[in-house]
Amino acid sequence: MAHDLKGKRILIAKPGLDGHDIGAKVVALALRDAGAEVIYTGLRKSPDYIARVAVDEDVHAVGLSILSGSHCELVRQVVVELKDRQAGDILLFLGGTIPQEDHAQLKELGVRAIFTSDMPLPEVVGVLSRELA
């Protein structure tokens, strides 16, 4: 089943101090190949910076890649920054090393989809395609 993200603008961001971004780049390429326009912030960006770029670039979704273990706090900060900019309706998704026991709290914070390293890329694209339809 083909998934189409044509016309969708998606920001991929690496908040916090984590310096590993291969997974974020792989997901960015998969989203691009599915037709999305992808903006990548690079490493070690603040929640404030991520929210500013999301608003400035008028994105449909923000994907956070977090491997550091500080995902709950970083997500909370990004959500606050987006809401402060009247952009709380931007779809937020998360990927990385995210323990199952944190999923419910992250969903309560507003994360619409959580992707782990064992999830196949077509499934990631499919979920985002449905969420952004």
N, C-alpha and C. Protein backbone atom coordinates (compact mmCIF):
# COMPACT_ATOMS: atom_id res chain seq x y z
N MET A 1 0.85 -1.18 0.00
CA MET A 1 0.00 0.00 0.00
C MET A 1 0.89 1.24 0.00
N ALA A 2 0.72 2.10 -0.99
CA ALA A 2 1.54 3.30 -1.09
C ALA A 2 1.01 4.38 -0.14
N HIS A 3 1.93 5.08 0.44
CA HIS A 3 1.58 6.17 1.33
C HIS A 3 2.06 7.47 0.71
N ASP A 4 1.22 8.48 0.81
CA ASP A 4 1.54 9.74 0.16
C ASP A 4 1.58 10.86 1.18
N LEU A 5 2.71 11.49 1.28
CA LEU A 5 2.86 12.66 2.16
C LEU A 5 3.09 13.92 1.33
N LYS A 6 2.73 13.85 0.05
CA LYS A 6 2.92 14.99 -0.85
C LYS A 6 2.21 16.22 -0.30
N GLY A 7 2.92 17.33 -0.29
CA GLY A 7 2.36 18.58 0.19
C GLY A 7 2.46 18.78 1.69
N LYS A 8 2.95 17.79 2.39
CA LYS A 8 3.10 17.89 3.85
C LYS A 8 4.50 18.39 4.18
N ARG A 9 4.57 19.28 5.14
CA ARG A 9 5.86 19.81 5.62
C ARG A 9 6.09 19.24 7.02
N ILE A 10 7.23 18.58 7.18
CA ILE A 10 7.53 17.90 8.43
C ILE A 10 8.90 18.33 8.93
N LEU A 11 8.95 18.73 10.18
CA LEU A 11 10.20 19.11 10.83
C LEU A 11 10.71 17.93 11.64
N ILE A 12 11.96 17.56 11.42
CA ILE A 12 12.62 16.54 12.23
C ILE A 12 13.64 17.26 13.09
N ALA A 13 13.55 17.04 14.41
CA ALA A 13 14.39 17.79 15.33
C ALA A 13 15.05 16.88 16.36
N LYS A 14 16.22 17.27 16.79
CA LYS A 14 16.99 16.55 17.81
C LYS A 14 17.16 17.48 19.02
N PRO A 15 16.21 17.42 19.97
CA PRO A 15 16.35 18.27 21.16
C PRO A 15 17.33 17.67 22.16
N GLY A 16 17.82 18.51 23.04
CA GLY A 16 18.68 18.02 24.11
C GLY A 16 20.11 17.83 23.67
N LEU A 17 20.83 17.07 24.45
CA LEU A 17 22.27 16.94 24.26
C LEU A 17 22.70 15.70 23.50
N ASP A 18 21.75 14.86 23.11
CA ASP A 18 22.05 13.64 22.38
C ASP A 18 22.76 13.98 21.07
N GLY A 19 23.84 13.28 20.78
CA GLY A 19 24.60 13.57 19.57
C GLY A 19 24.48 12.53 18.48
N HIS A 20 23.49 11.66 18.56
CA HIS A 20 23.32 10.60 17.56
C HIS A 20 22.10 10.91 16.69
N ASP A 21 22.32 11.04 15.39
CA ASP A 21 21.20 11.44 14.53
C ASP A 21 20.99 10.56 13.30
N ILE A 22 21.61 9.40 13.26
CA ILE A 22 21.43 8.53 12.09
C ILE A 22 19.95 8.15 11.93
N GLY A 23 19.30 7.77 13.02
CA GLY A 23 17.88 7.39 12.94
C GLY A 23 17.01 8.52 12.44
N ALA A 24 17.28 9.73 12.93
CA ALA A 24 16.51 10.90 12.49
C ALA A 24 16.70 11.13 10.99
N LYS A 25 17.92 10.96 10.53
CA LYS A 25 18.19 11.17 9.10
C LYS A 25 17.54 10.08 8.25
N VAL A 26 17.54 8.86 8.73
CA VAL A 26 16.90 7.76 7.99
C VAL A 26 15.40 8.01 7.88
N VAL A 27 14.76 8.41 8.97
CA VAL A 27 13.33 8.72 8.95
C VAL A 27 13.06 9.91 8.03
N ALA A 28 13.90 10.93 8.11
CA ALA A 28 13.73 12.11 7.24
C ALA A 28 13.77 11.70 5.77
N LEU A 29 14.69 10.84 5.41
CA LEU A 29 14.78 10.38 4.01
C LEU A 29 13.56 9.57 3.61
N ALA A 30 13.07 8.72 4.50
CA ALA A 30 11.88 7.92 4.20
C ALA A 30 10.66 8.83 3.99
N LEU A 31 10.53 9.86 4.83
CA LEU A 31 9.41 10.81 4.68
C LEU A 31 9.55 11.60 3.38
N ARG A 32 10.77 12.00 3.06
CA ARG A 32 11.01 12.70 1.80
C ARG A 32 10.65 11.82 0.61
N ASP A 33 11.06 10.55 0.68
CA ASP A 33 10.77 9.63 -0.41
C ASP A 33 9.27 9.39 -0.56
N ALA A 34 8.51 9.61 0.51
CA ALA A 34 7.04 9.47 0.46
C ALA A 34 6.37 10.77 0.03
N GLY A 35 7.17 11.78 -0.32
CA GLY A 35 6.61 13.01 -0.87
C GLY A 35 6.60 14.20 0.05
N ALA A 36 6.98 14.04 1.31
CA ALA A 36 6.96 15.16 2.25
C ALA A 36 8.14 16.10 1.99
N GLU A 37 7.93 17.34 2.33
CA GLU A 37 9.04 18.29 2.39
C GLU A 37 9.55 18.24 3.82
N VAL A 38 10.80 17.84 3.99
CA VAL A 38 11.35 17.62 5.33
C VAL A 38 12.40 18.67 5.64
N ILE A 39 12.28 19.23 6.82
CA ILE A 39 13.26 20.18 7.34
C ILE A 39 13.93 19.50 8.53
N TYR A 40 15.24 19.48 8.55
CA TYR A 40 15.98 18.86 9.64
C TYR A 40 16.76 19.94 10.38
N THR A 41 16.59 19.99 11.70
CA THR A 41 17.22 21.06 12.48
C THR A 41 18.69 20.84 12.78
N GLY A 42 19.13 19.60 12.73
CA GLY A 42 20.48 19.31 13.19
C GLY A 42 20.45 18.95 14.67
N LEU A 43 21.61 18.73 15.22
CA LEU A 43 21.77 18.25 16.59
C LEU A 43 21.62 19.35 17.65
N ARG A 44 21.22 18.90 18.83
CA ARG A 44 21.27 19.69 20.07
C ARG A 44 20.52 21.02 19.98
N LYS A 45 19.27 20.95 19.59
CA LYS A 45 18.44 22.15 19.49
C LYS A 45 17.54 22.28 20.70
N SER A 46 17.31 23.49 21.13
CA SER A 46 16.45 23.74 22.28
C SER A 46 14.98 23.62 21.89
N PRO A 47 14.12 23.31 22.86
CA PRO A 47 12.67 23.29 22.57
C PRO A 47 12.18 24.63 21.99
N ASP A 48 12.70 25.73 22.48
CA ASP A 48 12.34 27.05 21.96
C ASP A 48 12.70 27.16 20.48
N TYR A 49 13.89 26.75 20.13
CA TYR A 49 14.34 26.80 18.73
C TYR A 49 13.46 25.93 17.85
N ILE A 50 13.17 24.71 18.31
CA ILE A 50 12.35 23.78 17.54
C ILE A 50 10.97 24.38 17.28
N ALA A 51 10.35 24.96 18.30
CA ALA A 51 9.02 25.56 18.13
C ALA A 51 9.08 26.75 17.18
N ARG A 52 10.12 27.57 17.29
CA ARG A 52 10.25 28.73 16.38
C ARG A 52 10.37 28.27 14.93
N VAL A 53 11.19 27.27 14.68
CA VAL A 53 11.35 26.76 13.31
C VAL A 53 10.05 26.15 12.82
N ALA A 54 9.36 25.41 13.68
CA ALA A 54 8.08 24.80 13.28
C ALA A 54 7.09 25.85 12.82
N VAL A 55 7.01 26.95 13.55
CA VAL A 55 6.08 28.03 13.20
C VAL A 55 6.58 28.76 11.95
N ASP A 56 7.85 29.11 11.93
CA ASP A 56 8.41 29.85 10.78
C ASP A 56 8.27 29.07 9.49
N GLU A 57 8.42 27.75 9.56
CA GLU A 57 8.36 26.90 8.36
C GLU A 57 6.95 26.41 8.07
N ASP A 58 5.98 26.75 8.93
CA ASP A 58 4.58 26.39 8.73
C ASP A 58 4.41 24.88 8.49
N VAL A 59 4.97 24.10 9.41
CA VAL A 59 4.95 22.65 9.24
C VAL A 59 3.62 22.05 9.69
N HIS A 60 3.34 20.88 9.15
CA HIS A 60 2.16 20.10 9.55
C HIS A 60 2.47 19.20 10.73
N ALA A 61 3.75 18.82 10.88
CA ALA A 61 4.13 17.90 11.94
C ALA A 61 5.56 18.18 12.39
N VAL A 62 5.81 17.84 13.66
CA VAL A 62 7.16 17.90 14.22
C VAL A 62 7.49 16.51 14.74
N GLY A 63 8.62 15.98 14.31
CA GLY A 63 9.11 14.71 14.80
C GLY A 63 10.34 14.95 15.65
N LEU A 64 10.28 14.48 16.87
CA LEU A 64 11.42 14.61 17.79
C LEU A 64 12.14 13.27 17.87
N SER A 65 13.44 13.29 17.74
CA SER A 65 14.26 12.10 17.89
C SER A 65 15.06 12.24 19.17
N ILE A 66 14.78 11.35 20.14
CA ILE A 66 15.42 11.47 21.45
C ILE A 66 15.93 10.10 21.90
N LEU A 67 17.21 10.04 22.15
CA LEU A 67 17.83 8.80 22.61
C LEU A 67 18.41 8.95 24.02
N SER A 68 18.33 10.13 24.58
CA SER A 68 19.04 10.45 25.82
C SER A 68 18.33 10.01 27.10
N GLY A 69 17.06 9.62 27.00
CA GLY A 69 16.30 9.27 28.19
C GLY A 69 15.53 10.44 28.79
N SER A 70 15.71 11.62 28.25
CA SER A 70 15.01 12.80 28.77
C SER A 70 13.79 13.16 27.92
N HIS A 71 13.18 12.16 27.30
CA HIS A 71 12.09 12.38 26.36
C HIS A 71 10.87 13.03 27.00
N CYS A 72 10.50 12.64 28.21
CA CYS A 72 9.29 13.22 28.82
C CYS A 72 9.47 14.73 29.06
N GLU A 73 10.58 15.13 29.60
CA GLU A 73 10.82 16.55 29.87
C GLU A 73 10.97 17.34 28.57
N LEU A 74 11.70 16.81 27.61
CA LEU A 74 11.89 17.53 26.36
C LEU A 74 10.58 17.68 25.59
N VAL A 75 9.77 16.62 25.57
CA VAL A 75 8.46 16.71 24.91
C VAL A 75 7.61 17.77 25.61
N ARG A 76 7.58 17.73 26.93
CA ARG A 76 6.81 18.71 27.70
C ARG A 76 7.23 20.14 27.32
N GLN A 77 8.53 20.38 27.24
CA GLN A 77 9.02 21.71 26.90
C GLN A 77 8.66 22.12 25.48
N VAL A 78 8.76 21.19 24.52
CA VAL A 78 8.39 21.51 23.14
C VAL A 78 6.89 21.82 23.05
N VAL A 79 6.06 21.05 23.74
CA VAL A 79 4.61 21.29 23.74
C VAL A 79 4.31 22.69 24.28
N VAL A 80 4.94 23.06 25.38
CA VAL A 80 4.74 24.40 25.96
C VAL A 80 5.15 25.48 24.96
N GLU A 81 6.29 25.31 24.34
CA GLU A 81 6.79 26.30 23.39
C GLU A 81 5.86 26.41 22.17
N LEU A 82 5.34 25.30 21.69
CA LEU A 82 4.41 25.35 20.55
C LEU A 82 3.11 26.05 20.96
N LYS A 83 2.59 25.72 22.13
CA LYS A 83 1.36 26.36 22.60
C LYS A 83 1.56 27.85 22.80
N ASP A 84 2.72 28.25 23.30
CA ASP A 84 3.02 29.67 23.49
C ASP A 84 3.00 30.43 22.17
N ARG A 85 3.20 29.73 21.08
CA ARG A 85 3.22 30.34 19.74
C ARG A 85 1.91 30.06 18.98
N GLN A 86 0.86 29.67 19.71
CA GLN A 86 -0.43 29.33 19.12
C GLN A 86 -0.29 28.26 18.04
N ALA A 87 0.61 27.31 18.27
CA ALA A 87 0.86 26.24 17.31
C ALA A 87 0.68 24.87 17.95
N GLY A 88 -0.14 24.80 18.97
CA GLY A 88 -0.36 23.54 19.67
C GLY A 88 -1.08 22.49 18.85
N ASP A 89 -1.59 22.87 17.68
CA ASP A 89 -2.30 21.92 16.82
C ASP A 89 -1.38 21.18 15.85
N ILE A 90 -0.09 21.54 15.86
CA ILE A 90 0.86 20.82 15.00
C ILE A 90 1.01 19.40 15.52
N LEU A 91 0.90 18.43 14.63
CA LEU A 91 1.03 17.04 15.01
C LEU A 91 2.45 16.79 15.52
N LEU A 92 2.56 16.14 16.67
CA LEU A 92 3.84 15.86 17.29
C LEU A 92 4.05 14.35 17.34
N PHE A 93 5.20 13.90 16.81
CA PHE A 93 5.53 12.48 16.93
C PHE A 93 6.95 12.34 17.46
N LEU A 94 7.25 11.15 17.94
CA LEU A 94 8.49 10.93 18.68
C LEU A 94 9.12 9.62 18.26
N GLY A 95 10.42 9.62 18.15
CA GLY A 95 11.15 8.41 17.86
C GLY A 95 12.39 8.33 18.71
N GLY A 96 12.86 7.11 18.91
CA GLY A 96 14.09 6.93 19.67
C GLY A 96 13.98 5.81 20.68
N THR A 97 14.74 5.95 21.73
CA THR A 97 14.76 4.97 22.81
C THR A 97 13.70 5.38 23.83
N ILE A 98 12.49 4.91 23.62
CA ILE A 98 11.34 5.32 24.43
C ILE A 98 10.75 4.09 25.10
N PRO A 99 10.96 3.92 26.41
CA PRO A 99 10.41 2.75 27.09
C PRO A 99 8.88 2.72 27.03
N GLN A 100 8.33 1.53 26.89
CA GLN A 100 6.88 1.35 26.81
C GLN A 100 6.17 2.02 27.98
N GLU A 101 6.75 1.96 29.17
CA GLU A 101 6.09 2.52 30.35
C GLU A 101 5.94 4.05 30.28
N ASP A 102 6.63 4.71 29.36
CA ASP A 102 6.50 6.16 29.21
C ASP A 102 5.49 6.57 28.13
N HIS A 103 5.02 5.61 27.35
CA HIS A 103 4.14 5.93 26.22
C HIS A 103 2.86 6.65 26.66
N ALA A 104 2.21 6.19 27.70
CA ALA A 104 0.95 6.80 28.13
C ALA A 104 1.17 8.27 28.54
N GLN A 105 2.21 8.53 29.30
CA GLN A 105 2.50 9.91 29.71
C GLN A 105 2.80 10.79 28.50
N LEU A 106 3.54 10.28 27.54
CA LEU A 106 3.87 11.05 26.34
C LEU A 106 2.61 11.34 25.52
N LYS A 107 1.72 10.37 25.42
CA LYS A 107 0.45 10.59 24.70
C LYS A 107 -0.39 11.65 25.41
N GLU A 108 -0.40 11.63 26.75
CA GLU A 108 -1.11 12.66 27.52
C GLU A 108 -0.54 14.05 27.25
N LEU A 109 0.76 14.12 27.01
CA LEU A 109 1.41 15.40 26.71
C LEU A 109 1.06 15.90 25.31
N GLY A 110 0.55 14.99 24.46
CA GLY A 110 0.16 15.40 23.12
C GLY A 110 0.87 14.69 21.98
N VAL A 111 1.73 13.74 22.29
CA VAL A 111 2.41 12.98 21.23
C VAL A 111 1.40 12.07 20.56
N ARG A 112 1.29 12.18 19.24
CA ARG A 112 0.29 11.39 18.51
C ARG A 112 0.81 10.03 18.08
N ALA A 113 2.13 9.90 17.89
CA ALA A 113 2.70 8.62 17.47
C ALA A 113 4.09 8.49 18.06
N ILE A 114 4.42 7.26 18.48
CA ILE A 114 5.73 6.96 19.05
C ILE A 114 6.33 5.84 18.24
N PHE A 115 7.54 6.07 17.71
CA PHE A 115 8.22 5.10 16.89
C PHE A 115 9.50 4.63 17.57
N THR A 116 9.68 3.34 17.62
CA THR A 116 10.90 2.77 18.19
C THR A 116 11.79 2.26 17.06
N SER A 117 13.00 1.93 17.40
CA SER A 117 13.97 1.54 16.37
C SER A 117 13.61 0.24 15.66
N ASP A 118 12.73 -0.57 16.24
CA ASP A 118 12.37 -1.82 15.59
C ASP A 118 11.15 -1.71 14.68
N MET A 119 10.63 -0.49 14.52
CA MET A 119 9.46 -0.31 13.66
C MET A 119 9.91 -0.12 12.21
N PRO A 120 9.36 -0.89 11.28
CA PRO A 120 9.75 -0.75 9.87
C PRO A 120 9.39 0.63 9.32
N LEU A 121 10.26 1.16 8.48
CA LEU A 121 10.03 2.50 7.91
C LEU A 121 8.70 2.63 7.17
N PRO A 122 8.26 1.63 6.39
CA PRO A 122 6.95 1.77 5.74
C PRO A 122 5.82 1.96 6.75
N GLU A 123 5.95 1.35 7.92
CA GLU A 123 4.93 1.51 8.95
C GLU A 123 4.96 2.93 9.51
N VAL A 124 6.15 3.48 9.71
CA VAL A 124 6.29 4.86 10.18
C VAL A 124 5.61 5.82 9.19
N VAL A 125 5.94 5.63 7.92
CA VAL A 125 5.36 6.48 6.87
C VAL A 125 3.85 6.30 6.83
N GLY A 126 3.39 5.08 6.96
CA GLY A 126 1.96 4.81 6.92
C GLY A 126 1.20 5.48 8.07
N VAL A 127 1.74 5.39 9.26
CA VAL A 127 1.11 6.03 10.41
C VAL A 127 1.04 7.54 10.19
N LEU A 128 2.12 8.15 9.78
CA LEU A 128 2.11 9.60 9.57
C LEU A 128 1.20 10.01 8.42
N SER A 129 1.16 9.19 7.39
CA SER A 129 0.26 9.46 6.28
C SER A 129 -1.20 9.48 6.75
N ARG A 130 -1.58 8.52 7.57
CA ARG A 130 -2.94 8.48 8.11
C ARG A 130 -3.20 9.64 9.07
N GLU A 131 -2.24 9.92 9.94
CA GLU A 131 -2.43 11.00 10.93
C GLU A 131 -2.53 12.37 10.26
N LEU A 132 -1.86 12.55 9.14
CA LEU A 132 -1.86 13.85 8.46
C LEU A 132 -2.90 13.96 7.35
N ALA A 133 -3.66 12.88 7.12
CA ALA A 133 -4.66 12.89 6.04
C ALA A 133 -5.79 13.88 6.34
